Structure formats: structure tokens, C-alpha cells
């Protein structure tokens, strides 16, 4: 197995990004965080890549951050810097977020930053045996990777506060019940199922997919009115694209489109 903290490989227009510190339960050290940002930047910039899939090598998705490495930055009131061209894995900067869809597959332990990566992704698949927890309150700190901002929107205030304020472990079934993950699969099948979803997305029109994602994110960040105001102006741009022409021709010719 590669000694790199992140494996990166393209497969049929999907960029596969694998956390690769299994001996450390894929704890996020600064190098892994930077390499993930770099890989997301690659996904952002490469026109041949249409969707990303984040997964983990080994038995666990992540045991959380390698806290001693991160503490100096937290004490300075900042996040660790990312390399040039990187995209923030936690999507904390709305102006520089990933413009392409990201699917995520988790298993084993999925702690702290693992949950925040789920919240920054678009579609989430979990193995049935996955165990989750947001344990920052047990360490005298609180989540700064997005959980306090996004979790209540995803799963409701009461569900979010129970997770954030107790630090208690919860099961994959509970994560599915409250909507933190979209699919549960038998242990060991999470990667293949997530890859199938990512490949389905990658077959669609890149223009249509990215415009859909952008519209939904505007609604989430700025409200429904802001998104509604952009619907027709943004559709004007999409409908003038080669993808829209191919989509119409495929419809008229009763065939599958080739984007």
C-alpha cells in the first residue's frame, strides 16, 4: 500500500480520493488535510473529471484530527493553510467551494472531522456498522469545521444538539434515520455503492449537473428568493451550451445522450 496519506486515482471521469493512514485510523494530520485539498483542486480544475468520491482505506473512515498538530493553528485563531490551487475540504469558504459533486463513503469510526466532511459532501453512503461521534466537547473545545453551522440544517435542531452537546456515539442506522447519510449498505459494500452513484452522476451533462448544484447551494446559503432570481438567467447560459444541444438531439433521436 502507498505510504502517501491520500491515494488519488481517476476512474471513468470520477476522481477517487482514499484516506490512507489505516494504522492511525486515518487520523487527519496536516499532510493528509493538505493532500485532500490538493486533490479537490485537481477535481475542480480538470474538465475531464466530473465527480469526486472520497473514501477510506482500512477499517475506519477517520478517528478525527491529529489534535496536537492542529492545536497551534487553533490557538492562533486560524485553520491550517492549504497548498496553492487547493479547495477547502470542509467548504468553509463559500466563494471557493467545490463546483462539482462529491460523493462520500464511510465505515468503521467516523469521528469529528469525518462528520464535517460528510456535511461538506453532497451524497453520503455508510456501511451498516459505522459508528459516529462529534466528541469535541469531551476535549474542552467545539467543532470548527462546519458541524455547528450545518448539522442542524441537515438533521434538525434537537437531533444536532444531542450529537454536538453530548459527544455521544451514534449508529449508522441513527445517522440514516435523521438524514445524515442517504444510504446504508452491508459492511464492505460502501465503496462500490458510492462509486456507482458517482459514475451515474458522471454520465450526466456536466453543465446541467454543475448548474443544478450551484442553484441548490445558492438557495441553501442565500435563501430561496436569491436562487429563484437566478433560475432563468442561469438557464439562459446552460441552454446555449453544447450539452444542451446534445441533450435535445438525443431526445429527438430517441437515444442516450453523449456528453
C-alpha atoms as a PDB file:
ATOM      1  CA  UNK A   1       0.000   0.000   0.000  1.00  0.00           C
ATOM      2  CA  UNK A   2       1.227   3.516  -0.794  1.00  0.00           C
ATOM      3  CA  UNK A   3       2.882   5.475   2.002  1.00  0.00           C
ATOM      4  CA  UNK A   4       1.093   8.603   0.834  1.00  0.00           C
ATOM      5  CA  UNK A   5      -1.608   9.837   3.237  1.00  0.00           C
ATOM      6  CA  UNK A   6      -4.070  10.078   0.360  1.00  0.00           C
ATOM      7  CA  UNK A   7      -4.439   7.857  -2.685  1.00  0.00           C
ATOM      8  CA  UNK A   8      -5.698   9.620  -5.818  1.00  0.00           C
ATOM      9  CA  UNK A   9      -6.872   7.871  -8.973  1.00  0.00           C
ATOM     10  CA  UNK A  10      -9.217   8.716 -11.836  1.00  0.00           C
ATOM     11  CA  UNK A  11     -11.746   6.121 -12.984  1.00  0.00           C
ATOM     12  CA  UNK A  12     -14.239   6.898 -15.750  1.00  0.00           C
ATOM     13  CA  UNK A  13     -14.335  10.653 -15.048  1.00  0.00           C
ATOM     14  CA  UNK A  14     -14.615  10.078 -11.290  1.00  0.00           C
ATOM     15  CA  UNK A  15     -11.711  11.119  -9.067  1.00  0.00           C
ATOM     16  CA  UNK A  16     -11.192   8.547  -6.311  1.00  0.00           C
ATOM     17  CA  UNK A  17      -9.625  10.002  -3.159  1.00  0.00           C
ATOM     18  CA  UNK A  18      -8.739   7.498  -0.451  1.00  0.00           C
ATOM     19  CA  UNK A  19      -7.670   8.389   3.087  1.00  0.00           C
ATOM     20  CA  UNK A  20      -4.593   6.267   3.612  1.00  0.00           C
ATOM     21  CA  UNK A  21      -3.359   6.211   7.214  1.00  0.00           C
ATOM     22  CA  UNK A  22      -5.117   2.999   8.276  1.00  0.00           C
ATOM     23  CA  UNK A  23      -2.615   2.272  11.061  1.00  0.00           C
ATOM     24  CA  UNK A  24      -3.676   5.597  12.654  1.00  0.00           C
ATOM     25  CA  UNK A  25      -7.399   5.059  11.968  1.00  0.00           C
ATOM     26  CA  UNK A  26      -6.965   7.626   9.190  1.00  0.00           C
ATOM     27  CA  UNK A  27      -6.489  10.431  11.688  1.00  0.00           C
ATOM     28  CA  UNK A  28      -6.126  13.711   9.829  1.00  0.00           C
ATOM     29  CA  UNK A  29      -2.643  15.085  10.178  1.00  0.00           C
ATOM     30  CA  UNK A  30      -1.783  18.322   8.395  1.00  0.00           C
ATOM     31  CA  UNK A  31      -0.321  16.492   5.405  1.00  0.00           C
ATOM     32  CA  UNK A  32      -3.482  14.469   4.807  1.00  0.00           C
ATOM     33  CA  UNK A  33      -5.627  17.603   5.075  1.00  0.00           C
ATOM     34  CA  UNK A  34      -3.419  19.438   2.572  1.00  0.00           C
ATOM     35  CA  UNK A  35      -3.311  16.498   0.162  1.00  0.00           C
ATOM     36  CA  UNK A  36      -7.093  16.207   0.225  1.00  0.00           C
ATOM     37  CA  UNK A  37      -7.371  19.916  -0.556  1.00  0.00           C
ATOM     38  CA  UNK A  38      -4.922  19.461  -3.438  1.00  0.00           C
ATOM     39  CA  UNK A  39      -6.917  16.509  -4.832  1.00  0.00           C
ATOM     40  CA  UNK A  40     -10.145  18.501  -4.657  1.00  0.00           C
ATOM     41  CA  UNK A  41      -8.381  21.290  -6.525  1.00  0.00           C
ATOM     42  CA  UNK A  42      -7.487  18.753  -9.212  1.00  0.00           C
ATOM     43  CA  UNK A  43     -11.123  17.697  -9.407  1.00  0.00           C
ATOM     44  CA  UNK A  44     -12.154  21.339  -9.682  1.00  0.00           C
ATOM     45  CA  UNK A  45      -9.757  22.235 -12.483  1.00  0.00           C
ATOM     46  CA  UNK A  46      -9.694  19.116 -14.689  1.00  0.00           C
ATOM     47  CA  UNK A  47     -12.537  19.287 -17.248  1.00  0.00           C
ATOM     48  CA  UNK A  48     -12.335  15.524 -17.775  1.00  0.00           C
ATOM     49  CA  UNK A  49     -13.288  14.903 -14.136  1.00  0.00           C
ATOM     50  CA  UNK A  50     -16.993  15.199 -13.398  1.00  0.00           C
ATOM     51  CA  UNK A  51     -17.489  13.849  -9.877  1.00  0.00           C
ATOM     52  CA  UNK A  52     -15.405  13.036  -6.818  1.00  0.00           C
ATOM     53  CA  UNK A  53     -15.549  10.083  -4.450  1.00  0.00           C
ATOM     54  CA  UNK A  54     -13.980  10.325  -1.005  1.00  0.00           C
ATOM     55  CA  UNK A  55     -13.461   7.052   0.843  1.00  0.00           C
ATOM     56  CA  UNK A  56     -11.001   5.467   3.255  1.00  0.00           C
ATOM     57  CA  UNK A  57      -8.527   2.626   3.147  1.00  0.00           C
ATOM     58  CA  UNK A  58      -8.672   0.196   6.077  1.00  0.00           C
ATOM     59  CA  UNK A  59     -11.304  -0.492   8.708  1.00  0.00           C
ATOM     60  CA  UNK A  60     -12.162   3.094   9.648  1.00  0.00           C
ATOM     61  CA  UNK A  61     -13.057   6.268   7.818  1.00  0.00           C
ATOM     62  CA  UNK A  62     -11.345   8.514  10.352  1.00  0.00           C
ATOM     63  CA  UNK A  63     -10.711   8.712  14.072  1.00  0.00           C
ATOM     64  CA  UNK A  64     -10.732  12.519  13.792  1.00  0.00           C
ATOM     65  CA  UNK A  65      -7.922  15.046  13.624  1.00  0.00           C
ATOM     66  CA  UNK A  66      -4.393  14.504  14.866  1.00  0.00           C
ATOM     67  CA  UNK A  67      -5.094  17.127  17.529  1.00  0.00           C
ATOM     68  CA  UNK A  68      -1.533  18.040  18.626  1.00  0.00           C
ATOM     69  CA  UNK A  69      -0.714  19.102  15.056  1.00  0.00           C
ATOM     70  CA  UNK A  70      -3.804  21.301  14.810  1.00  0.00           C
ATOM     71  CA  UNK A  71      -3.698  22.965  18.245  1.00  0.00           C
ATOM     72  CA  UNK A  72      -1.074  25.617  17.330  1.00  0.00           C
ATOM     73  CA  UNK A  73      -3.275  26.847  14.480  1.00  0.00           C
ATOM     74  CA  UNK A  74      -6.387  26.868  16.651  1.00  0.00           C
ATOM     75  CA  UNK A  75      -4.509  28.896  19.252  1.00  0.00           C
ATOM     76  CA  UNK A  76      -3.714  31.414  16.529  1.00  0.00           C
ATOM     77  CA  UNK A  77      -7.399  31.512  15.559  1.00  0.00           C
ATOM     78  CA  UNK A  78      -6.935  30.033  12.104  1.00  0.00           C
ATOM     79  CA  UNK A  79      -7.195  26.812  10.133  1.00  0.00           C
ATOM     80  CA  UNK A  80      -4.080  25.071   8.779  1.00  0.00           C
ATOM     81  CA  UNK A  81      -3.033  26.560   5.426  1.00  0.00           C
ATOM     82  CA  UNK A  82      -3.716  24.665   2.227  1.00  0.00           C
ATOM     83  CA  UNK A  83      -1.345  24.387  -0.746  1.00  0.00           C
ATOM     84  CA  UNK A  84      -1.788  26.638  -3.809  1.00  0.00           C
ATOM     85  CA  UNK A  85      -4.663  25.546  -6.014  1.00  0.00           C
ATOM     86  CA  UNK A  86      -6.312  23.532  -3.251  1.00  0.00           C
ATOM     87  CA  UNK A  87     -10.028  23.516  -2.467  1.00  0.00           C
ATOM     88  CA  UNK A  88     -11.017  23.586   1.204  1.00  0.00           C
ATOM     89  CA  UNK A  89     -12.182  20.044   2.100  1.00  0.00           C
ATOM     90  CA  UNK A  90     -14.575  21.474   4.695  1.00  0.00           C
ATOM     91  CA  UNK A  91     -16.095  24.015   2.263  1.00  0.00           C
ATOM     92  CA  UNK A  92     -15.947  26.788   4.840  1.00  0.00           C
ATOM     93  CA  UNK A  93     -15.330  29.440   2.172  1.00  0.00           C
ATOM     94  CA  UNK A  94     -18.489  29.630   0.070  1.00  0.00           C
ATOM     95  CA  UNK A  95     -16.729  31.644  -2.636  1.00  0.00           C
ATOM     96  CA  UNK A  96     -14.099  28.939  -3.188  1.00  0.00           C
ATOM     97  CA  UNK A  97     -16.126  25.789  -2.681  1.00  0.00           C
ATOM     98  CA  UNK A  98     -16.049  22.757  -4.942  1.00  0.00           C
ATOM     99  CA  UNK A  99     -18.217  23.281  -8.031  1.00  0.00           C
ATOM    100  CA  UNK A 100     -18.526  19.575  -8.834  1.00  0.00           C
ATOM    101  CA  UNK A 101     -20.449  16.900  -6.894  1.00  0.00           C
ATOM    102  CA  UNK A 102     -18.724  14.947  -4.152  1.00  0.00           C
ATOM    103  CA  UNK A 103     -19.911  11.509  -3.000  1.00  0.00           C
ATOM    104  CA  UNK A 104     -18.540  10.065   0.235  1.00  0.00           C
ATOM    105  CA  UNK A 105     -18.381   6.509   1.617  1.00  0.00           C
ATOM    106  CA  UNK A 106     -17.717   5.823   5.305  1.00  0.00           C
ATOM    107  CA  UNK A 107     -17.144   2.812   7.524  1.00  0.00           C
ATOM    108  CA  UNK A 108     -15.851   1.916  10.984  1.00  0.00           C
ATOM    109  CA  UNK A 109     -15.231   5.005  13.124  1.00  0.00           C
ATOM    110  CA  UNK A 110     -16.316   8.322  11.637  1.00  0.00           C
ATOM    111  CA  UNK A 111     -15.453  10.946  14.230  1.00  0.00           C
ATOM    112  CA  UNK A 112     -15.344  14.767  14.363  1.00  0.00           C
ATOM    113  CA  UNK A 113     -13.859  15.925  11.045  1.00  0.00           C
ATOM    114  CA  UNK A 114     -15.358  12.801   9.467  1.00  0.00           C
ATOM    115  CA  UNK A 115     -18.861  14.084  10.188  1.00  0.00           C
ATOM    116  CA  UNK A 116     -17.870  17.545   8.968  1.00  0.00           C
ATOM    117  CA  UNK A 117     -16.597  16.051   5.707  1.00  0.00           C
ATOM    118  CA  UNK A 118     -19.963  14.322   5.339  1.00  0.00           C
ATOM    119  CA  UNK A 119     -21.658  17.685   5.779  1.00  0.00           C
ATOM    120  CA  UNK A 120     -19.408  19.226   3.108  1.00  0.00           C
ATOM    121  CA  UNK A 121     -20.209  16.431   0.622  1.00  0.00           C
ATOM    122  CA  UNK A 122     -23.342  16.073  -1.492  1.00  0.00           C
ATOM    123  CA  UNK A 123     -24.301  12.378  -1.240  1.00  0.00           C
ATOM    124  CA  UNK A 124     -23.272  10.059   1.613  1.00  0.00           C
ATOM    125  CA  UNK A 125     -23.160   6.288   1.849  1.00  0.00           C
ATOM    126  CA  UNK A 126     -22.419   4.458   5.108  1.00  0.00           C
ATOM    127  CA  UNK A 127     -21.615   0.873   5.939  1.00  0.00           C
ATOM    128  CA  UNK A 128     -24.146  -0.553   8.395  1.00  0.00           C
ATOM    129  CA  UNK A 129     -21.526  -0.928  11.121  1.00  0.00           C
ATOM    130  CA  UNK A 130     -20.282   2.664  11.007  1.00  0.00           C
ATOM    131  CA  UNK A 131     -20.089   4.483  14.358  1.00  0.00           C
ATOM    132  CA  UNK A 132     -20.265   8.259  14.536  1.00  0.00           C
ATOM    133  CA  UNK A 133     -19.494  10.841  17.207  1.00  0.00           C
ATOM    134  CA  UNK A 134     -18.731  14.565  17.439  1.00  0.00           C
ATOM    135  CA  UNK A 135     -16.569  14.489  20.564  1.00  0.00           C
ATOM    136  CA  UNK A 136     -15.026  17.973  20.727  1.00  0.00           C
ATOM    137  CA  UNK A 137     -16.944  18.822  23.931  1.00  0.00           C
ATOM    138  CA  UNK A 138     -15.044  15.991  25.618  1.00  0.00           C
ATOM    139  CA  UNK A 139     -11.769  17.799  24.814  1.00  0.00           C
ATOM    140  CA  UNK A 140     -12.724  21.260  26.012  1.00  0.00           C
ATOM    141  CA  UNK A 141     -13.223  22.650  22.512  1.00  0.00           C
ATOM    142  CA  UNK A 142     -16.014  22.717  19.945  1.00  0.00           C
ATOM    143  CA  UNK A 143     -16.328  21.835  16.232  1.00  0.00           C
ATOM    144  CA  UNK A 144     -14.831  24.454  13.917  1.00  0.00           C
ATOM    145  CA  UNK A 145     -15.100  22.510  10.656  1.00  0.00           C
ATOM    146  CA  UNK A 146     -18.757  23.250   9.977  1.00  0.00           C
ATOM    147  CA  UNK A 147     -20.756  20.958  12.284  1.00  0.00           C
ATOM    148  CA  UNK A 148     -22.181  23.788  14.402  1.00  0.00           C
ATOM    149  CA  UNK A 149     -23.228  25.597  11.221  1.00  0.00           C
ATOM    150  CA  UNK A 150     -24.562  22.786   9.030  1.00  0.00           C
ATOM    151  CA  UNK A 151     -25.672  19.904  11.219  1.00  0.00           C
ATOM    152  CA  UNK A 152     -28.927  21.487  12.429  1.00  0.00           C
ATOM    153  CA  UNK A 153     -29.898  22.316   8.839  1.00  0.00           C
ATOM    154  CA  UNK A 154     -29.290  18.705   7.847  1.00  0.00           C
ATOM    155  CA  UNK A 155     -30.941  16.823  10.695  1.00  0.00           C
ATOM    156  CA  UNK A 156     -32.922  19.325  12.783  1.00  0.00           C
ATOM    157  CA  UNK A 157     -32.043  21.347  15.876  1.00  0.00           C
ATOM    158  CA  UNK A 158     -32.788  18.775  18.545  1.00  0.00           C
ATOM    159  CA  UNK A 159     -31.014  15.934  16.769  1.00  0.00           C
ATOM    160  CA  UNK A 160     -27.998  18.164  16.140  1.00  0.00           C
ATOM    161  CA  UNK A 161     -27.776  19.434  19.702  1.00  0.00           C
ATOM    162  CA  UNK A 162     -27.953  15.898  21.088  1.00  0.00           C
ATOM    163  CA  UNK A 163     -24.930  14.986  18.972  1.00  0.00           C
ATOM    164  CA  UNK A 164     -22.962  18.192  19.476  1.00  0.00           C
ATOM    165  CA  UNK A 165     -23.554  18.756  23.198  1.00  0.00           C
ATOM    166  CA  UNK A 166     -23.241  15.183  24.486  1.00  0.00           C
ATOM    167  CA  UNK A 167     -20.414  13.861  22.330  1.00  0.00           C
ATOM    168  CA  UNK A 168     -22.252  10.524  22.423  1.00  0.00           C
ATOM    169  CA  UNK A 169     -21.646   7.824  19.850  1.00  0.00           C
ATOM    170  CA  UNK A 170     -24.487   7.059  17.443  1.00  0.00           C
ATOM    171  CA  UNK A 171     -25.054   4.299  14.923  1.00  0.00           C
ATOM    172  CA  UNK A 172     -25.274   4.218  11.152  1.00  0.00           C
ATOM    173  CA  UNK A 173     -28.963   3.400  11.464  1.00  0.00           C
ATOM    174  CA  UNK A 174     -29.475   6.567  13.520  1.00  0.00           C
ATOM    175  CA  UNK A 175     -27.426   8.583  11.003  1.00  0.00           C
ATOM    176  CA  UNK A 176     -29.708   7.283   8.258  1.00  0.00           C
ATOM    177  CA  UNK A 177     -32.854   7.959  10.289  1.00  0.00           C
ATOM    178  CA  UNK A 178     -32.016  11.618  10.809  1.00  0.00           C
ATOM    179  CA  UNK A 179     -30.746  12.144   7.246  1.00  0.00           C
ATOM    180  CA  UNK A 180     -27.011  12.484   7.833  1.00  0.00           C
ATOM    181  CA  UNK A 181     -26.446   9.674   5.316  1.00  0.00           C
ATOM    182  CA  UNK A 182     -28.595   8.825   2.309  1.00  0.00           C
ATOM    183  CA  UNK A 183     -27.909   5.091   2.013  1.00  0.00           C
ATOM    184  CA  UNK A 184     -26.960   2.223   4.332  1.00  0.00           C
ATOM    185  CA  UNK A 185     -25.260  -0.804   2.828  1.00  0.00           C
ATOM    186  CA  UNK A 186     -23.777  -4.000   4.271  1.00  0.00           C
ATOM    187  CA  UNK A 187     -20.270  -3.609   5.662  1.00  0.00           C
ATOM    188  CA  UNK A 188     -17.709  -3.756   2.877  1.00  0.00           C
ATOM    189  CA  UNK A 189     -20.090  -2.580   0.147  1.00  0.00           C
ATOM    190  CA  UNK A 190     -19.964   1.158   0.832  1.00  0.00           C
ATOM    191  CA  UNK A 191     -17.229   1.940  -1.705  1.00  0.00           C
ATOM    192  CA  UNK A 192     -18.848   0.105  -4.619  1.00  0.00           C
ATOM    193  CA  UNK A 193     -22.245   1.655  -3.948  1.00  0.00           C
ATOM    194  CA  UNK A 194     -20.798   5.149  -3.677  1.00  0.00           C
ATOM    195  CA  UNK A 195     -18.782   4.583  -6.855  1.00  0.00           C
ATOM    196  CA  UNK A 196     -21.911   3.500  -8.714  1.00  0.00           C
ATOM    197  CA  UNK A 197     -23.635   6.736  -7.661  1.00  0.00           C
ATOM    198  CA  UNK A 198     -20.617   8.814  -8.685  1.00  0.00           C
ATOM    199  CA  UNK A 199     -20.439   7.130 -12.091  1.00  0.00           C
ATOM    200  CA  UNK A 200     -24.146   7.751 -12.658  1.00  0.00           C
ATOM    201  CA  UNK A 201     -23.590  11.457 -11.942  1.00  0.00           C
ATOM    202  CA  UNK A 202     -20.555  11.492 -14.242  1.00  0.00           C
ATOM    203  CA  UNK A 203     -22.683  10.220 -17.158  1.00  0.00           C
ATOM    204  CA  UNK A 204     -24.966  13.229 -16.977  1.00  0.00           C
ATOM    205  CA  UNK A 205     -24.377  16.617 -18.570  1.00  0.00           C
ATOM    206  CA  UNK A 206     -21.547  18.405 -16.721  1.00  0.00           C
ATOM    207  CA  UNK A 207     -23.226  21.724 -17.495  1.00  0.00           C
ATOM    208  CA  UNK A 208     -26.548  20.500 -16.131  1.00  0.00           C
ATOM    209  CA  UNK A 209     -25.035  18.897 -13.040  1.00  0.00           C
ATOM    210  CA  UNK A 210     -22.931  21.899 -12.068  1.00  0.00           C
ATOM    211  CA  UNK A 211     -25.779  24.343 -12.711  1.00  0.00           C
ATOM    212  CA  UNK A 212     -28.119  22.235 -10.592  1.00  0.00           C
ATOM    213  CA  UNK A 213     -25.597  22.069  -7.770  1.00  0.00           C
ATOM    214  CA  UNK A 214     -24.921  25.794  -7.940  1.00  0.00           C
ATOM    215  CA  UNK A 215     -28.648  26.654  -7.812  1.00  0.00           C
ATOM    216  CA  UNK A 216     -29.257  24.392  -4.828  1.00  0.00           C
ATOM    217  CA  UNK A 217     -26.284  25.869  -2.981  1.00  0.00           C
ATOM    218  CA  UNK A 218     -27.451  29.437  -3.597  1.00  0.00           C
ATOM    219  CA  UNK A 219     -30.819  28.510  -2.102  1.00  0.00           C
ATOM    220  CA  UNK A 220     -29.156  26.939   0.913  1.00  0.00           C
ATOM    221  CA  UNK A 221     -26.705  29.761   1.537  1.00  0.00           C
ATOM    222  CA  UNK A 222     -28.669  32.850   0.495  1.00  0.00           C
ATOM    223  CA  UNK A 223     -32.282  31.677   0.600  1.00  0.00           C
ATOM    224  CA  UNK A 224     -34.976  30.665  -1.850  1.00  0.00           C
ATOM    225  CA  UNK A 225     -35.562  34.136  -3.262  1.00  0.00           C
ATOM    226  CA  UNK A 226     -31.937  34.522  -4.286  1.00  0.00           C
ATOM    227  CA  UNK A 227     -31.979  31.152  -6.021  1.00  0.00           C
ATOM    228  CA  UNK A 228     -35.305  31.829  -7.763  1.00  0.00           C
ATOM    229  CA  UNK A 229     -33.952  35.119  -9.111  1.00  0.00           C
ATOM    230  CA  UNK A 230     -31.085  33.203 -10.742  1.00  0.00           C
ATOM    231  CA  UNK A 231     -33.120  30.370 -12.294  1.00  0.00           C
ATOM    232  CA  UNK A 232     -33.877  31.839 -15.715  1.00  0.00           C
ATOM    233  CA  UNK A 233     -30.673  33.889 -16.152  1.00  0.00           C
ATOM    234  CA  UNK A 234     -28.553  30.839 -15.395  1.00  0.00           C
ATOM    235  CA  UNK A 235     -30.746  28.626 -17.590  1.00  0.00           C
ATOM    236  CA  UNK A 236     -30.053  31.005 -20.480  1.00  0.00           C
ATOM    237  CA  UNK A 237     -26.365  30.184 -20.199  1.00  0.00           C
ATOM    238  CA  UNK A 238     -26.957  26.440 -19.825  1.00  0.00           C
ATOM    239  CA  UNK A 239     -29.317  26.170 -22.761  1.00  0.00           C
ATOM    240  CA  UNK A 240     -26.741  27.772 -25.071  1.00  0.00           C
ATOM    241  CA  UNK A 241     -24.175  25.083 -24.240  1.00  0.00           C
ATOM    242  CA  UNK A 242     -23.088  22.139 -26.362  1.00  0.00           C
ATOM    243  CA  UNK A 243     -24.506  19.876 -23.636  1.00  0.00           C
ATOM    244  CA  UNK A 244     -27.984  21.312 -24.087  1.00  0.00           C
ATOM    245  CA  UNK A 245     -27.762  20.870 -27.850  1.00  0.00           C
ATOM    246  CA  UNK A 246     -26.701  17.249 -27.430  1.00  0.00           C
ATOM    247  CA  UNK A 247     -29.447  16.668 -24.872  1.00  0.00           C
ATOM    248  CA  UNK A 248     -32.103  17.986 -27.266  1.00  0.00           C
ATOM    249  CA  UNK A 249     -30.737  15.995 -30.197  1.00  0.00           C
ATOM    250  CA  UNK A 250     -30.657  12.817 -28.105  1.00  0.00           C
ATOM    251  CA  UNK A 251     -34.283  13.422 -27.102  1.00  0.00           C
ATOM    252  CA  UNK A 252     -35.368  13.945 -30.700  1.00  0.00           C
ATOM    253  CA  UNK A 253     -33.413  10.932 -31.926  1.00  0.00           C
ATOM    254  CA  UNK A 254     -34.565   8.733 -29.029  1.00  0.00           C
ATOM    255  CA  UNK A 255     -31.078   7.754 -27.938  1.00  0.00           C
ATOM    256  CA  UNK A 256     -28.859   8.121 -24.907  1.00  0.00           C
ATOM    257  CA  UNK A 257     -27.012  11.462 -24.859  1.00  0.00           C
ATOM    258  CA  UNK A 258     -23.229  11.521 -25.189  1.00  0.00           C
ATOM    259  CA  UNK A 259     -21.818  14.281 -23.058  1.00  0.00           C
END
